[in-house]
């Protein structure tokens, strides 16, 4: 299983994008009451939303790349079952990785969005 991850640059890119997105979400949560941060960025959820939304698309790209490898392996003379199964394994793993990273991201975004709205409504009511 680790070979699928370590040998695939797309998996590393997905982890980097996911890490950055979760970092942005966490920073939004921590600064939800900081008026200076909220004034500086009119839509603070845009960047993490785009990044989290990109994760399943990156998984889909990995699916296409893995299936392409499988079909290329089937086209060769004396199709090697290891090449075909490795391509399918890559396809499934990248899809799974994209979803496993995106679903918690969407949940965290919803949580933080609710807290941001609550903090902004509190300012309006008390301001």
Protein backbone atom coordinates (compact mmCIF):
# COMPACT_ATOMS: atom_id res chain seq x y z
CA UNK A 1 0.00 0.00 0.00
CA UNK A 2 2.80 2.43 0.83
CA UNK A 3 4.39 1.73 -2.58
CA UNK A 4 1.25 3.11 -4.22
CA UNK A 5 1.63 6.31 -2.24
CA UNK A 6 5.38 6.86 -2.28
CA UNK A 7 5.82 6.06 -5.96
CA UNK A 8 3.08 8.37 -7.20
CA UNK A 9 3.88 12.10 -7.46
CA UNK A 10 0.16 12.88 -7.75
CA UNK A 11 -0.40 11.43 -4.27
CA UNK A 12 2.29 13.74 -2.87
CA UNK A 13 0.67 16.70 -4.63
CA UNK A 14 -2.71 15.74 -3.16
CA UNK A 15 -1.24 15.56 0.34
CA UNK A 16 0.42 18.96 -0.12
CA UNK A 17 -2.82 20.56 -1.34
CA UNK A 18 -4.78 18.89 1.47
CA UNK A 19 -2.27 19.96 4.10
CA UNK A 20 -2.38 23.56 2.89
CA UNK A 21 -6.20 23.54 2.75
CA UNK A 22 -6.53 22.14 6.27
CA UNK A 23 -3.96 24.65 7.51
CA UNK A 24 -6.01 27.49 6.00
CA UNK A 25 -9.22 26.12 7.55
CA UNK A 26 -7.56 25.82 10.97
CA UNK A 27 -6.18 29.36 10.76
CA UNK A 28 -9.65 30.68 9.86
CA UNK A 29 -11.08 28.93 12.89
CA UNK A 30 -8.41 30.34 15.18
CA UNK A 31 -8.83 33.89 13.87
CA UNK A 32 -12.63 33.88 13.66
CA UNK A 33 -12.92 36.72 16.19
CA UNK A 34 -10.04 38.81 14.82
CA UNK A 35 -11.61 41.80 13.07
CA UNK A 36 -8.37 42.79 11.31
CA UNK A 37 -8.10 39.39 9.62
CA UNK A 38 -11.75 39.48 8.54
CA UNK A 39 -11.40 42.99 7.07
CA UNK A 40 -8.24 42.06 5.15
CA UNK A 41 -9.90 39.19 3.26
CA UNK A 42 -13.44 39.76 2.03
CA UNK A 43 -14.01 36.04 1.36
CA UNK A 44 -11.69 34.06 3.64
CA UNK A 45 -13.30 30.72 2.78
CA UNK A 46 -12.57 30.95 -0.95
CA UNK A 47 -9.01 29.57 -0.98
CA UNK A 48 -9.62 26.56 1.28
CA UNK A 49 -12.91 25.83 -0.51
CA UNK A 50 -11.18 25.75 -3.88
CA UNK A 51 -8.36 23.58 -2.53
CA UNK A 52 -10.70 21.09 -0.86
CA UNK A 53 -12.81 21.01 -4.02
CA UNK A 54 -9.70 20.24 -6.07
CA UNK A 55 -8.87 17.10 -4.06
CA UNK A 56 -11.50 14.78 -5.57
CA UNK A 57 -10.64 16.16 -9.02
CA UNK A 58 -7.01 15.29 -8.41
CA UNK A 59 -8.18 11.81 -7.40
CA UNK A 60 -10.11 11.60 -10.67
CA UNK A 61 -6.97 12.59 -12.56
CA UNK A 62 -5.15 9.75 -10.80
CA UNK A 63 -7.95 7.39 -11.80
CA UNK A 64 -7.56 8.34 -15.44
CA UNK A 65 -3.78 8.01 -15.25
CA UNK A 66 -4.03 4.58 -13.62
CA UNK A 67 -6.56 3.30 -16.12
CA UNK A 68 -4.47 4.65 -18.96
CA UNK A 69 -1.54 2.64 -17.61
CA UNK A 70 -3.74 -0.44 -17.42
CA UNK A 71 -4.98 -0.10 -20.98
CA UNK A 72 -1.47 0.57 -22.23
CA UNK A 73 -0.37 -2.63 -20.49
CA UNK A 74 -3.20 -4.54 -22.17
CA UNK A 75 -2.19 -3.26 -25.61
CA UNK A 76 1.32 -4.69 -25.46
CA UNK A 77 2.14 -8.10 -26.86
CA UNK A 78 1.85 -10.63 -24.07
CA UNK A 79 -0.11 -8.35 -21.77
CA UNK A 80 1.36 -8.59 -18.31
CA UNK A 81 -1.28 -8.95 -15.61
CA UNK A 82 0.98 -7.17 -13.12
CA UNK A 83 1.02 -4.02 -15.25
CA UNK A 84 -2.76 -4.11 -15.64
CA UNK A 85 -3.42 -4.72 -11.95
CA UNK A 86 -0.87 -2.07 -10.91
CA UNK A 87 -2.66 0.50 -13.05
CA UNK A 88 -6.03 -0.42 -11.57
CA UNK A 89 -4.56 -0.28 -8.07
CA UNK A 90 -3.17 3.21 -8.76
CA UNK A 91 -6.53 4.30 -10.15
CA UNK A 92 -8.44 3.12 -7.10
CA UNK A 93 -5.90 4.40 -4.59
CA UNK A 94 -5.80 7.94 -5.94
CA UNK A 95 -9.60 8.08 -6.06
CA UNK A 96 -9.77 6.89 -2.47
CA UNK A 97 -7.08 9.34 -1.34
CA UNK A 98 -8.89 12.26 -2.95
CA UNK A 99 -12.18 11.39 -1.26
CA UNK A 100 -10.61 10.56 2.11
CA UNK A 101 -9.01 14.00 2.14
CA UNK A 102 -11.94 15.95 0.65
CA UNK A 103 -14.80 14.67 2.82
CA UNK A 104 -13.28 15.78 6.16
CA UNK A 105 -12.29 19.04 4.44
CA UNK A 106 -15.89 19.72 3.46
CA UNK A 107 -17.04 18.93 6.99
CA UNK A 108 -14.41 21.20 8.53
CA UNK A 109 -15.29 23.99 6.10
CA UNK A 110 -18.95 23.73 7.10
CA UNK A 111 -18.01 23.84 10.77
CA UNK A 112 -15.75 26.87 10.35
CA UNK A 113 -18.26 28.62 8.10
CA UNK A 114 -20.88 28.25 10.82
CA UNK A 115 -18.52 29.67 13.43
CA UNK A 116 -17.56 32.59 11.17
CA UNK A 117 -21.21 33.43 10.59
CA UNK A 118 -21.94 33.19 14.32
CA UNK A 119 -19.04 35.51 15.16
CA UNK A 120 -20.12 38.02 12.49
CA UNK A 121 -23.74 37.94 13.67
CA UNK A 122 -22.55 38.49 17.23
CA UNK A 123 -20.65 41.60 16.12
CA UNK A 124 -23.73 42.95 14.34
CA UNK A 125 -25.96 42.35 17.35
CA UNK A 126 -23.47 43.88 19.80
CA UNK A 127 -22.08 46.57 17.46
